[in-house]
Amino acid sequence: MTRIYTFDDASYTYTENQGMLYRLVNEDVGSKQIGILFVELKPHVSYPGLHYHKNRESVYMVLEGTATLLLEGKEHRIKPRHVIFISPGATHGIINTGDTGLKMVEVYSPLDPDFIKVEQ
């Protein structure tokens, strides 16, 4: 099923303390293998907490703002035009350390939500 639509037509989650999460591509629009999220984080919040996926590959593309990426026990400063590839099993999480909002796109596959939270 091929579709053209806007962000406003996509499913989303708004969390007052975190910001907006738009589910642009997923099963809802007929995708069988890939997902795409548009994330707008408020300043000084983390997303979605330290975690890993057994099978999922993810790519983060930072569009606006700065943040700290926690990746495999190390901190990395990320900013616009940074692209991050996260392989299955890699522990990761983001903290928006900037004073402005963070906007990024996440592309991932497969769709199954094998989210495993890591205790800190």
PDB file of N, CA and C in Angstrom:
ATOM      1  N   MET A   1       0.850  -1.174   0.000  1.00  0.00           N
ATOM      2  CA  MET A   1       0.000   0.000   0.000  1.00  0.00           C
ATOM      3  C   MET A   1       0.899   1.241   0.000  1.00  0.00           C
ATOM      4  N   THR A   2       0.860   1.988  -1.048  1.00  0.00           N
ATOM      5  CA  THR A   2       1.631   3.221  -1.162  1.00  0.00           C
ATOM      6  C   THR A   2       0.770   4.381  -0.673  1.00  0.00           C
ATOM      7  N   ARG A   3       1.394   5.297   0.067  1.00  0.00           N
ATOM      8  CA  ARG A   3       0.621   6.416   0.634  1.00  0.00           C
ATOM      9  C   ARG A   3       1.437   7.700   0.621  1.00  0.00           C
ATOM     10  N   ILE A   4       0.735   8.811   0.547  1.00  0.00           N
ATOM     11  CA  ILE A   4       1.310  10.140   0.754  1.00  0.00           C
ATOM     12  C   ILE A   4       0.485  10.788   1.855  1.00  0.00           C
ATOM     13  N   TYR A   5       1.160  11.306   2.876  1.00  0.00           N
ATOM     14  CA  TYR A   5       0.449  11.899   4.002  1.00  0.00           C
ATOM     15  C   TYR A   5       1.362  12.881   4.711  1.00  0.00           C
ATOM     16  N   THR A   6       0.818  13.602   5.681  1.00  0.00           N
ATOM     17  CA  THR A   6       1.604  14.582   6.430  1.00  0.00           C
ATOM     18  C   THR A   6       1.865  14.069   7.845  1.00  0.00           C
ATOM     19  N   PHE A   7       2.738  14.762   8.544  1.00  0.00           N
ATOM     20  CA  PHE A   7       3.007  14.442   9.947  1.00  0.00           C
ATOM     21  C   PHE A   7       1.707  14.434  10.739  1.00  0.00           C
ATOM     22  N   ASP A   8       0.802  15.347  10.413  1.00  0.00           N
ATOM     23  CA  ASP A   8      -0.458  15.465  11.140  1.00  0.00           C
ATOM     24  C   ASP A   8      -1.335  14.223  10.998  1.00  0.00           C
ATOM     25  N   ASP A   9      -1.117  13.449   9.934  1.00  0.00           N
ATOM     26  CA  ASP A   9      -1.893  12.233   9.714  1.00  0.00           C
ATOM     27  C   ASP A   9      -1.286  11.019  10.421  1.00  0.00           C
ATOM     28  N   ALA A  10      -0.049  11.127  10.849  1.00  0.00           N
ATOM     29  CA  ALA A  10       0.646  10.001  11.486  1.00  0.00           C
ATOM     30  C   ALA A  10       0.221   9.874  12.950  1.00  0.00           C
ATOM     31  N   SER A  11       0.357   8.676  13.484  1.00  0.00           N
ATOM     32  CA  SER A  11       0.095   8.516  14.909  1.00  0.00           C
ATOM     33  C   SER A  11       1.243   9.174  15.675  1.00  0.00           C
ATOM     34  N   TYR A  12       0.949   9.636  16.862  1.00  0.00           N
ATOM     35  CA  TYR A  12       1.968  10.331  17.643  1.00  0.00           C
ATOM     36  C   TYR A  12       1.687  10.172  19.121  1.00  0.00           C
ATOM     37  N   THR A  13       2.715  10.463  19.899  1.00  0.00           N
ATOM     38  CA  THR A  13       2.599  10.492  21.355  1.00  0.00           C
ATOM     39  C   THR A  13       3.167  11.816  21.822  1.00  0.00           C
ATOM     40  N   TYR A  14       2.407  12.523  22.644  1.00  0.00           N
ATOM     41  CA  TYR A  14       2.904  13.746  23.266  1.00  0.00           C
ATOM     42  C   TYR A  14       3.042  13.486  24.754  1.00  0.00           C
ATOM     43  N   THR A  15       4.231  13.741  25.271  1.00  0.00           N
ATOM     44  CA  THR A  15       4.472  13.644  26.699  1.00  0.00           C
ATOM     45  C   THR A  15       4.904  15.018  27.173  1.00  0.00           C
ATOM     46  N   GLU A  16       4.167  15.596  28.085  1.00  0.00           N
ATOM     47  CA  GLU A  16       4.439  16.963  28.527  1.00  0.00           C
ATOM     48  C   GLU A  16       5.882  17.138  28.994  1.00  0.00           C
ATOM     49  N   ASN A  17       6.433  16.135  29.641  1.00  0.00           N
ATOM     50  CA  ASN A  17       7.803  16.250  30.160  1.00  0.00           C
ATOM     51  C   ASN A  17       8.874  15.941  29.121  1.00  0.00           C
ATOM     52  N   GLN A  18       8.511  15.261  28.011  1.00  0.00           N
ATOM     53  CA  GLN A  18       9.518  14.885  27.022  1.00  0.00           C
ATOM     54  C   GLN A  18       9.380  15.625  25.703  1.00  0.00           C
ATOM     55  N   GLY A  19       8.198  15.613  25.113  1.00  0.00           N
ATOM     56  CA  GLY A  19       8.005  16.228  23.807  1.00  0.00           C
ATOM     57  C   GLY A  19       7.140  15.355  22.916  1.00  0.00           C
ATOM     58  N   MET A  20       7.383  15.404  21.595  1.00  0.00           N
ATOM     59  CA  MET A  20       6.557  14.711  20.604  1.00  0.00           C
ATOM     60  C   MET A  20       7.324  13.560  19.964  1.00  0.00           C
ATOM     61  N   LEU A  21       6.603  12.500  19.687  1.00  0.00           N
ATOM     62  CA  LEU A  21       7.136  11.353  18.972  1.00  0.00           C
ATOM     63  C   LEU A  21       6.125  10.995  17.883  1.00  0.00           C
ATOM     64  N   TYR A  22       6.495  11.257  16.622  1.00  0.00           N
ATOM     65  CA  TYR A  22       5.622  10.949  15.484  1.00  0.00           C
ATOM     66  C   TYR A  22       6.035   9.604  14.890  1.00  0.00           C
ATOM     67  N   ARG A  23       5.093   8.702  14.744  1.00  0.00           N
ATOM     68  CA  ARG A  23       5.349   7.409  14.109  1.00  0.00           C
ATOM     69  C   ARG A  23       5.007   7.548  12.625  1.00  0.00           C
ATOM     70  N   LEU A  24       5.990   7.970  11.852  1.00  0.00           N
ATOM     71  CA  LEU A  24       5.731   8.303  10.450  1.00  0.00           C
ATOM     72  C   LEU A  24       5.545   7.078   9.575  1.00  0.00           C
ATOM     73  N   VAL A  25       6.337   6.043   9.810  1.00  0.00           N
ATOM     74  CA  VAL A  25       6.220   4.808   9.031  1.00  0.00           C
ATOM     75  C   VAL A  25       6.226   3.638  10.008  1.00  0.00           C
ATOM     76  N   ASN A  26       5.199   2.796   9.903  1.00  0.00           N
ATOM     77  CA  ASN A  26       5.094   1.588  10.715  1.00  0.00           C
ATOM     78  C   ASN A  26       3.973   0.725  10.126  1.00  0.00           C
ATOM     79  N   GLU A  27       3.522  -0.244  10.906  1.00  0.00           N
ATOM     80  CA  GLU A  27       2.468  -1.129  10.440  1.00  0.00           C
ATOM     81  C   GLU A  27       1.188  -0.370  10.079  1.00  0.00           C
ATOM     82  N   ASP A  28       0.936   0.752  10.753  1.00  0.00           N
ATOM     83  CA  ASP A  28      -0.288   1.527  10.515  1.00  0.00           C
ATOM     84  C   ASP A  28      -0.416   2.000   9.070  1.00  0.00           C
ATOM     85  N   VAL A  29       0.715   2.213   8.404  1.00  0.00           N
ATOM     86  CA  VAL A  29       0.664   2.690   7.014  1.00  0.00           C
ATOM     87  C   VAL A  29       1.012   1.580   6.024  1.00  0.00           C
ATOM     88  N   GLY A  30       1.138   0.351   6.541  1.00  0.00           N
ATOM     89  CA  GLY A  30       1.388  -0.782   5.660  1.00  0.00           C
ATOM     90  C   GLY A  30       2.820  -1.259   5.592  1.00  0.00           C
ATOM     91  N   SER A  31       3.723  -0.658   6.369  1.00  0.00           N
ATOM     92  CA  SER A  31       5.111  -1.110   6.350  1.00  0.00           C
ATOM     93  C   SER A  31       5.219  -2.497   6.976  1.00  0.00           C
ATOM     94  N   LYS A  32       6.044  -3.315   6.383  1.00  0.00           N
ATOM     95  CA  LYS A  32       6.258  -4.656   6.914  1.00  0.00           C
ATOM     96  C   LYS A  32       7.665  -4.838   7.492  1.00  0.00           C
ATOM     97  N   GLN A  33       8.607  -3.926   7.162  1.00  0.00           N
ATOM     98  CA  GLN A  33       9.985  -4.140   7.572  1.00  0.00           C
ATOM     99  C   GLN A  33      10.650  -2.953   8.249  1.00  0.00           C
ATOM    100  N   ILE A  34      10.288  -1.731   7.890  1.00  0.00           N
ATOM    101  CA  ILE A  34      10.987  -0.579   8.460  1.00  0.00           C
ATOM    102  C   ILE A  34      10.035   0.344   9.207  1.00  0.00           C
ATOM    103  N   GLY A  35      10.619   1.071  10.152  1.00  0.00           N
ATOM    104  CA  GLY A  35       9.887   2.094  10.881  1.00  0.00           C
ATOM    105  C   GLY A  35      10.657   3.397  10.836  1.00  0.00           C
ATOM    106  N   ILE A  36       9.927   4.505  10.861  1.00  0.00           N
ATOM    107  CA  ILE A  36      10.556   5.826  10.903  1.00  0.00           C
ATOM    108  C   ILE A  36       9.824   6.656  11.944  1.00  0.00           C
ATOM    109  N   LEU A  37      10.610   7.236  12.852  1.00  0.00           N
ATOM    110  CA  LEU A  37      10.087   8.135  13.880  1.00  0.00           C
ATOM    111  C   LEU A  37      10.660   9.521  13.671  1.00  0.00           C
ATOM    112  N   PHE A  38       9.861  10.544  13.972  1.00  0.00           N
ATOM    113  CA  PHE A  38      10.365  11.903  14.067  1.00  0.00           C
ATOM    114  C   PHE A  38      10.238  12.278  15.528  1.00  0.00           C
ATOM    115  N   VAL A  39      11.357  12.629  16.154  1.00  0.00           N
ATOM    116  CA  VAL A  39      11.410  12.878  17.593  1.00  0.00           C
ATOM    117  C   VAL A  39      11.704  14.355  17.835  1.00  0.00           C
ATOM    118  N   GLU A  40      10.883  14.998  18.671  1.00  0.00           N
ATOM    119  CA  GLU A  40      11.115  16.374  19.118  1.00  0.00           C
ATOM    120  C   GLU A  40      11.213  16.342  20.639  1.00  0.00           C
ATOM    121  N   LEU A  41      12.436  16.441  21.150  1.00  0.00           N
ATOM    122  CA  LEU A  41      12.652  16.397  22.596  1.00  0.00           C
ATOM    123  C   LEU A  41      12.775  17.787  23.179  1.00  0.00           C
ATOM    124  N   LYS A  42      12.173  17.979  24.325  1.00  0.00           N
ATOM    125  CA  LYS A  42      12.337  19.234  25.050  1.00  0.00           C
ATOM    126  C   LYS A  42      13.739  19.291  25.643  1.00  0.00           C
ATOM    127  N   PRO A  43      14.214  20.491  26.012  1.00  0.00           N
ATOM    128  CA  PRO A  43      15.543  20.610  26.620  1.00  0.00           C
ATOM    129  C   PRO A  43      15.644  19.814  27.928  1.00  0.00           C
ATOM    130  N   HIS A  44      16.814  19.236  28.129  1.00  0.00           N
ATOM    131  CA  HIS A  44      17.194  18.581  29.389  1.00  0.00           C
ATOM    132  C   HIS A  44      16.340  17.368  29.751  1.00  0.00           C
ATOM    133  N   VAL A  45      15.944  16.569  28.753  1.00  0.00           N
ATOM    134  CA  VAL A  45      15.229  15.329  29.027  1.00  0.00           C
ATOM    135  C   VAL A  45      15.940  14.166  28.339  1.00  0.00           C
ATOM    136  N   SER A  46      15.673  12.962  28.804  1.00  0.00           N
ATOM    137  CA  SER A  46      16.278  11.783  28.181  1.00  0.00           C
ATOM    138  C   SER A  46      15.230  11.038  27.353  1.00  0.00           C
ATOM    139  N   TYR A  47      15.714  10.271  26.377  1.00  0.00           N
ATOM    140  CA  TYR A  47      14.835   9.519  25.493  1.00  0.00           C
ATOM    141  C   TYR A  47      15.514   8.231  25.096  1.00  0.00           C
ATOM    142  N   PRO A  48      14.873   7.149  25.097  1.00  0.00           N
ATOM    143  CA  PRO A  48      13.762   6.763  25.958  1.00  0.00           C
ATOM    144  C   PRO A  48      14.284   6.063  27.199  1.00  0.00           C
ATOM    145  N   GLY A  49      15.483   6.380  27.602  1.00  0.00           N
ATOM    146  CA  GLY A  49      16.164   5.691  28.696  1.00  0.00           C
ATOM    147  C   GLY A  49      17.170   4.705  28.119  1.00  0.00           C
ATOM    148  N   LEU A  50      18.111   4.298  28.925  1.00  0.00           N
ATOM    149  CA  LEU A  50      19.155   3.378  28.467  1.00  0.00           C
ATOM    150  C   LEU A  50      18.525   2.019  28.154  1.00  0.00           C
ATOM    151  N   HIS A  51      18.799   1.502  26.942  1.00  0.00           N
ATOM    152  CA  HIS A  51      18.184   0.262  26.500  1.00  0.00           C
ATOM    153  C   HIS A  51      18.981  -0.346  25.354  1.00  0.00           C
ATOM    154  N   TYR A  52      18.538  -1.515  24.893  1.00  0.00           N
ATOM    155  CA  TYR A  52      19.101  -2.120  23.689  1.00  0.00           C
ATOM    156  C   TYR A  52      18.011  -2.952  23.021  1.00  0.00           C
ATOM    157  N   HIS A  53      18.304  -3.404  21.811  1.00  0.00           N
ATOM    158  CA  HIS A  53      17.396  -4.252  21.049  1.00  0.00           C
ATOM    159  C   HIS A  53      18.166  -5.490  20.620  1.00  0.00           C
ATOM    160  N   LYS A  54      17.562  -6.661  20.728  1.00  0.00           N
ATOM    161  CA  LYS A  54      18.240  -7.900  20.335  1.00  0.00           C
ATOM    162  C   LYS A  54      18.438  -7.988  18.830  1.00  0.00           C
ATOM    163  N   ASN A  55      17.444  -7.537  18.068  1.00  0.00           N
ATOM    164  CA  ASN A  55      17.468  -7.746  16.619  1.00  0.00           C
ATOM    165  C   ASN A  55      17.431  -6.475  15.786  1.00  0.00           C
ATOM    166  N   ARG A  56      17.100  -5.357  16.383  1.00  0.00           N
ATOM    167  CA  ARG A  56      16.847  -4.130  15.626  1.00  0.00           C
ATOM    168  C   ARG A  56      18.136  -3.383  15.291  1.00  0.00           C
ATOM    169  N   GLU A  57      18.203  -2.879  14.063  1.00  0.00           N
ATOM    170  CA  GLU A  57      19.196  -1.894  13.657  1.00  0.00           C
ATOM    171  C   GLU A  57      18.491  -0.551  13.615  1.00  0.00           C
ATOM    172  N   SER A  58      19.169   0.493  14.097  1.00  0.00           N
ATOM    173  CA  SER A  58      18.591   1.838  14.089  1.00  0.00           C
ATOM    174  C   SER A  58      19.588   2.830  13.528  1.00  0.00           C
ATOM    175  N   VAL A  59      19.045   3.875  12.916  1.00  0.00           N
ATOM    176  CA  VAL A  59      19.852   5.002  12.457  1.00  0.00           C
ATOM    177  C   VAL A  59      19.194   6.259  13.006  1.00  0.00           C
ATOM    178  N   TYR A  60      19.993   7.090  13.695  1.00  0.00           N
ATOM    179  CA  TYR A  60      19.536   8.398  14.162  1.00  0.00           C
ATOM    180  C   TYR A  60      20.149   9.451  13.257  1.00  0.00           C
ATOM    181  N   MET A  61      19.336  10.420  12.844  1.00  0.00           N
ATOM    182  CA  MET A  61      19.820  11.563  12.061  1.00  0.00           C
ATOM    183  C   MET A  61      19.396  12.822  12.799  1.00  0.00           C
ATOM    184  N   VAL A  62      20.372  13.580  13.305  1.00  0.00           N
ATOM    185  CA  VAL A  62      20.079  14.774  14.097  1.00  0.00           C
ATOM    186  C   VAL A  62      19.866  15.949  13.148  1.00  0.00           C
ATOM    187  N   LEU A  63      18.728  16.637  13.316  1.00  0.00           N
ATOM    188  CA  LEU A  63      18.378  17.769  12.459  1.00  0.00           C
ATOM    189  C   LEU A  63      18.598  19.107  13.155  1.00  0.00           C
ATOM    190  N   GLU A  64      18.225  19.199  14.440  1.00  0.00           N
ATOM    191  CA  GLU A  64      18.364  20.443  15.209  1.00  0.00           C
ATOM    192  C   GLU A  64      18.714  20.117  16.648  1.00  0.00           C
ATOM    193  N   GLY A  65      19.475  21.008  17.280  1.00  0.00           N
ATOM    194  CA  GLY A  65      19.796  20.873  18.695  1.00  0.00           C
ATOM    195  C   GLY A  65      21.047  20.049  18.937  1.00  0.00           C
ATOM    196  N   THR A  66      21.393  19.922  20.202  1.00  0.00           N
ATOM    197  CA  THR A  66      22.539  19.112  20.606  1.00  0.00           C
ATOM    198  C   THR A  66      22.090  18.171  21.722  1.00  0.00           C
ATOM    199  N   ALA A  67      22.801  17.073  21.864  1.00  0.00           N
ATOM    200  CA  ALA A  67      22.450  16.084  22.882  1.00  0.00           C
ATOM    201  C   ALA A  67      23.673  15.251  23.218  1.00  0.00           C
ATOM    202  N   THR A  68      23.530  14.469  24.268  1.00  0.00           N
ATOM    203  CA  THR A  68      24.539  13.484  24.618  1.00  0.00           C
ATOM    204  C   THR A  68      23.965  12.114  24.292  1.00  0.00           C
ATOM    205  N   LEU A  69      24.682  11.381  23.469  1.00  0.00           N
ATOM    206  CA  LEU A  69      24.310  10.015  23.143  1.00  0.00           C
ATOM    207  C   LEU A  69      25.111   9.097  24.044  1.00  0.00           C
ATOM    208  N   LEU A  70      24.420   8.266  24.794  1.00  0.00           N
ATOM    209  CA  LEU A  70      25.073   7.228  25.590  1.00  0.00           C
ATOM    210  C   LEU A  70      25.094   5.986  24.717  1.00  0.00           C
ATOM    211  N   LEU A  71      26.292   5.531  24.354  1.00  0.00           N
ATOM    212  CA  LEU A  71      26.423   4.402  23.441  1.00  0.00           C
ATOM    213  C   LEU A  71      27.512   3.478  23.950  1.00  0.00           C
ATOM    214  N   GLU A  72      27.094   2.280  24.334  1.00  0.00           N
ATOM    215  CA  GLU A  72      28.026   1.258  24.814  1.00  0.00           C
ATOM    216  C   GLU A  72      28.926   1.777  25.937  1.00  0.00           C
ATOM    217  N   GLY A  73      28.342   2.503  26.887  1.00  0.00           N
ATOM    218  CA  GLY A  73      29.078   2.967  28.057  1.00  0.00           C
ATOM    219  C   GLY A  73      29.887   4.238  27.858  1.00  0.00           C
ATOM    220  N   LYS A  74      29.818   4.840  26.668  1.00  0.00           N
ATOM    221  CA  LYS A  74      30.557   6.081  26.400  1.00  0.00           C
ATOM    222  C   LYS A  74      29.589   7.194  26.045  1.00  0.00           C
ATOM    223  N   GLU A  75      29.978   8.423  26.369  1.00  0.00           N
ATOM    224  CA  GLU A  75      29.177   9.596  26.027  1.00  0.00           C
ATOM    225  C   GLU A  75      29.724  10.250  24.772  1.00  0.00           C
ATOM    226  N   HIS A  76      28.824  10.621  23.867  1.00  0.00           N
ATOM    227  CA  HIS A  76      29.185  11.286  22.613  1.00  0.00           C
ATOM    228  C   HIS A  76      28.300  12.508  22.449  1.00  0.00           C
ATOM    229  N   ARG A  77      28.902  13.638  22.137  1.00  0.00           N
ATOM    230  CA  ARG A  77      28.112  14.841  21.856  1.00  0.00           C
ATOM    231  C   ARG A  77      27.632  14.757  20.415  1.00  0.00           C
ATOM    232  N   ILE A  78      26.321  14.870  20.219  1.00  0.00           N
ATOM    233  CA  ILE A  78      25.781  14.815  18.868  1.00  0.00           C
ATOM    234  C   ILE A  78      25.091  16.139  18.556  1.00  0.00           C
ATOM    235  N   LYS A  79      25.111  16.481  17.278  1.00  0.00           N
ATOM    236  CA  LYS A  79      24.558  17.761  16.831  1.00  0.00           C
ATOM    237  C   LYS A  79      24.043  17.598  15.406  1.00  0.00           C
ATOM    238  N   PRO A  80      23.455  18.653  14.827  1.00  0.00           N
ATOM    239  CA  PRO A  80      22.904  18.543  13.479  1.00  0.00           C
ATOM    240  C   PRO A  80      23.913  17.997  12.471  1.00  0.00           C
ATOM    241  N   ARG A  81      23.384  17.176  11.580  1.00  0.00           N
ATOM    242  CA  ARG A  81      24.109  16.512  10.504  1.00  0.00           C
ATOM    243  C   ARG A  81      24.865  15.280  10.971  1.00  0.00           C
ATOM    244  N   HIS A  82      24.782  14.940  12.268  1.00  0.00           N
ATOM    245  CA  HIS A  82      25.351  13.678  12.731  1.00  0.00           C
ATOM    246  C   HIS A  82      24.388  12.541  12.397  1.00  0.00           C
ATOM    247  N   VAL A  83      24.974  11.433  11.952  1.00  0.00           N
ATOM    248  CA  VAL A  83      24.232  10.218  11.659  1.00  0.00           C
ATOM    249  C   VAL A  83      24.830   9.119  12.536  1.00  0.00           C
ATOM    250  N   ILE A  84      23.983   8.404  13.256  1.00  0.00           N
ATOM    251  CA  ILE A  84      24.452   7.382  14.177  1.00  0.00           C
ATOM    252  C   ILE A  84      23.817   6.053  13.786  1.00  0.00           C
ATOM    253  N   PHE A  85      24.640   5.047  13.538  1.00  0.00           N
ATOM    254  CA  PHE A  85      24.147   3.694  13.269  1.00  0.00           C
ATOM    255  C   PHE A  85      24.280   2.895  14.556  1.00  0.00           C
ATOM    256  N   ILE A  86      23.203   2.247  14.973  1.00  0.00           N
ATOM    257  CA  ILE A  86      23.199   1.463  16.204  1.00  0.00           C
ATOM    258  C   ILE A  86      22.882   0.013  15.848  1.00  0.00           C
ATOM    259  N   SER A  87      23.835  -0.860  16.109  1.00  0.00           N
ATOM    260  CA  SER A  87      23.664  -2.269  15.766  1.00  0.00           C
ATOM    261  C   SER A  87      22.904  -3.011  16.862  1.00  0.00           C
ATOM    262  N   PRO A  88      22.335  -4.167  16.536  1.00  0.00           N
ATOM    263  CA  PRO A  88      21.626  -4.955  17.540  1.00  0.00           C
ATOM    264  C   PRO A  88      22.536  -5.248  18.740  1.00  0.00           C
ATOM    265  N   GLY A  89      21.964  -5.166  19.935  1.00  0.00           N
ATOM    266  CA  GLY A  89      22.713  -5.452  21.152  1.00  0.00           C
ATOM    267  C   GLY A  89      23.462  -4.280  21.738  1.00  0.00           C
ATOM    268  N   ALA A  90      23.572  -3.170  21.010  1.00  0.00           N
ATOM    269  CA  ALA A  90      24.313  -1.999  21.498  1.00  0.00           C
ATOM    270  C   ALA A  90      23.444  -1.204  22.480  1.00  0.00           C
ATOM    271  N   THR A  91      23.926  -1.027  23.692  1.00  0.00           N
ATOM    272  CA  THR A  91      23.212  -0.251  24.700  1.00  0.00           C
ATOM    273  C   THR A  91      23.277   1.222  24.321  1.00  0.00           C
ATOM    274  N   HIS A  92      22.111   1.918  24.376  1.00  0.00           N
ATOM    275  CA  HIS A  92      22.083   3.316  23.949  1.00  0.00           C
ATOM    276  C   HIS A  92      20.926   4.073  24.588  1.00  0.00           C
ATOM    277  N   GLY A  93      21.035   5.392  24.559  1.00  0.00           N
ATOM    278  CA  GLY A  93      20.010   6.310  25.027  1.00  0.00           C
ATOM    279  C   GLY A  93      20.475   7.727  24.738  1.00  0.00           C
ATOM    280  N   ILE A  94      19.557   8.677  24.757  1.00  0.00           N
ATOM    281  CA  ILE A  94      19.886  10.074  24.438  1.00  0.00           C
ATOM    282  C   ILE A  94      19.434  10.974  25.576  1.00  0.00           C
ATOM    283  N   ILE A  95      20.273  11.958  25.900  1.00  0.00           N
ATOM    284  CA  ILE A  95      19.906  13.016  26.837  1.00  0.00           C
ATOM    285  C   ILE A  95      20.046  14.333  26.097  1.00  0.00           C
ATOM    286  N   ASN A  96      18.949  15.081  25.995  1.00  0.00           N
ATOM    287  CA  ASN A  96      19.017  16.400  25.353  1.00  0.00           C
ATOM    288  C   ASN A  96      19.677  17.347  26.346  1.00  0.00           C
ATOM    289  N   THR A  97      20.951  17.567  26.166  1.00  0.00           N
ATOM    290  CA  THR A  97      21.722  18.415  27.072  1.00  0.00           C
ATOM    291  C   THR A  97      21.689  19.872  26.654  1.00  0.00           C
ATOM    292  N   GLY A  98      21.084  20.162  25.522  1.00  0.00           N
ATOM    293  CA  GLY A  98      21.037  21.533  25.029  1.00  0.00           C
ATOM    294  C   GLY A  98      19.924  22.337  25.680  1.00  0.00           C
ATOM    295  N   ASP A  99      19.998  23.651  25.488  1.00  0.00           N
ATOM    296  CA  ASP A  99      18.972  24.553  26.023  1.00  0.00           C
ATOM    297  C   ASP A  99      17.819  24.757  25.048  1.00  0.00           C
ATOM    298  N   THR A 100      17.902  24.111  23.891  1.00  0.00           N
ATOM    299  CA  THR A 100      16.823  24.179  22.907  1.00  0.00           C
ATOM    300  C   THR A 100      16.327  22.759  22.648  1.00  0.00           C
ATOM    301  N   GLY A 101      15.245  22.658  21.909  1.00  0.00           N
ATOM    302  CA  GLY A 101      14.715  21.346  21.580  1.00  0.00           C
ATOM    303  C   GLY A 101      15.647  20.581  20.652  1.00  0.00           C
ATOM    304  N   LEU A 102      15.537  19.275  20.692  1.00  0.00           N
ATOM    305  CA  LEU A 102      16.289  18.392  19.808  1.00  0.00           C
ATOM    306  C   LEU A 102      15.303  17.793  18.817  1.00  0.00           C
ATOM    307  N   LYS A 103      15.643  17.844  17.533  1.00  0.00           N
ATOM    308  CA  LYS A 103      14.829  17.221  16.499  1.00  0.00           C
ATOM    309  C   LYS A 103      15.693  16.207  15.779  1.00  0.00           C
ATOM    310  N   MET A 104      15.166  14.988  15.666  1.00  0.00           N
ATOM    311  CA  MET A 104      15.918  13.942  14.969  1.00  0.00           C
ATOM    312  C   MET A 104      14.958  12.952  14.334  1.00  0.00           C
ATOM    313  N   VAL A 105      15.475  12.216  13.372  1.00  0.00           N
ATOM    314  CA  VAL A 105      14.741  11.150  12.702  1.00  0.00           C
ATOM    315  C   VAL A 105      15.399   9.836  13.104  1.00  0.00           C
ATOM    316  N   GLU A 106      14.574   8.848  13.431  1.00  0.00           N
ATOM    317  CA  GLU A 106      15.075   7.498  13.682  1.00  0.00           C
ATOM    318  C   GLU A 106      14.469   6.562  12.656  1.00  0.00           C
ATOM    319  N   VAL A 107      15.321   5.809  11.964  1.00  0.00           N
ATOM    320  CA  VAL A 107      14.894   4.777  11.024  1.00  0.00           C
ATOM    321  C   VAL A 107      15.336   3.449  11.618  1.00  0.00           C
ATOM    322  N   TYR A 108      14.435   2.453  11.627  1.00  0.00           N
ATOM    323  CA  TYR A 108      14.794   1.186  12.252  1.00  0.00           C
ATOM    324  C   TYR A 108      14.156   0.004  11.534  1.00  0.00           C
ATOM    325  N   SER A 109      14.770  -1.148  11.734  1.00  0.00           N
ATOM    326  CA  SER A 109      14.260  -2.401  11.188  1.00  0.00           C
ATOM    327  C   SER A 109      14.854  -3.534  12.015  1.00  0.00           C
ATOM    328  N   PRO A 110      14.120  -4.588  12.286  1.00  0.00           N
ATOM    329  CA  PRO A 110      12.730  -4.821  11.933  1.00  0.00           C
ATOM    330  C   PRO A 110      11.785  -4.042  12.831  1.00  0.00           C
ATOM    331  N   LEU A 111      10.501  -4.172  12.549  1.00  0.00           N
ATOM    332  CA  LEU A 111       9.490  -3.413  13.282  1.00  0.00           C
ATOM    333  C   LEU A 111       9.248  -3.932  14.696  1.00  0.00           C
ATOM    334  N   ASP A 112       9.512  -5.206  14.960  1.00  0.00           N
ATOM    335  CA  ASP A 112       9.156  -5.744  16.274  1.00  0.00           C
ATOM    336  C   ASP A 112       9.826  -4.944  17.392  1.00  0.00           C
ATOM    337  N   PRO A 113       9.078  -4.675  18.461  1.00  0.00           N
ATOM    338  CA  PRO A 113       9.542  -3.762  19.514  1.00  0.00           C
ATOM    339  C   PRO A 113      10.373  -4.444  20.594  1.00  0.00           C
ATOM    340  N   ASP A 114      11.481  -5.057  20.223  1.00  0.00           N
ATOM    341  CA  ASP A 114      12.280  -5.789  21.206  1.00  0.00           C
ATOM    342  C   ASP A 114      13.121  -4.821  22.070  1.00  0.00           C
ATOM    343  N   PHE A 115      12.432  -4.022  22.836  1.00  0.00           N
ATOM    344  CA  PHE A 115      13.018  -2.984  23.694  1.00  0.00           C
ATOM    345  C   PHE A 115      13.384  -3.610  25.036  1.00  0.00           C
ATOM    346  N   ILE A 116      14.671  -3.608  25.366  1.00  0.00           N
ATOM    347  CA  ILE A 116      15.121  -4.158  26.651  1.00  0.00           C
ATOM    348  C   ILE A 116      15.765  -3.052  27.454  1.00  0.00           C
ATOM    349  N   LYS A 117      15.100  -2.655  28.546  1.00  0.00           N
ATOM    350  CA  LYS A 117      15.579  -1.569  29.409  1.00  0.00           C
ATOM    351  C   LYS A 117      16.805  -2.042  30.187  1.00  0.00           C
ATOM    352  N   VAL A 118      17.778  -1.119  30.333  1.00  0.00           N
ATOM    353  CA  VAL A 118      18.998  -1.399  31.098  1.00  0.00           C
ATOM    354  C   VAL A 118      18.941  -0.605  32.383  1.00  0.00           C
ATOM    355  N   GLU A 119      19.123  -1.271  33.484  1.00  0.00           N
ATOM    356  CA  GLU A 119      19.158  -0.584  34.783  1.00  0.00           C
ATOM    357  C   GLU A 119      20.467   0.182  34.925  1.00  0.00           C
ATOM    358  N   GLN A 120      20.379   1.392  35.444  1.00  0.00           N
ATOM    359  CA  GLN A 120      21.585   2.228  35.584  1.00  0.00           C
ATOM    360  C   GLN A 120      22.064   2.251  37.012  1.00  0.00           C
TER     361      GLN A 120
END
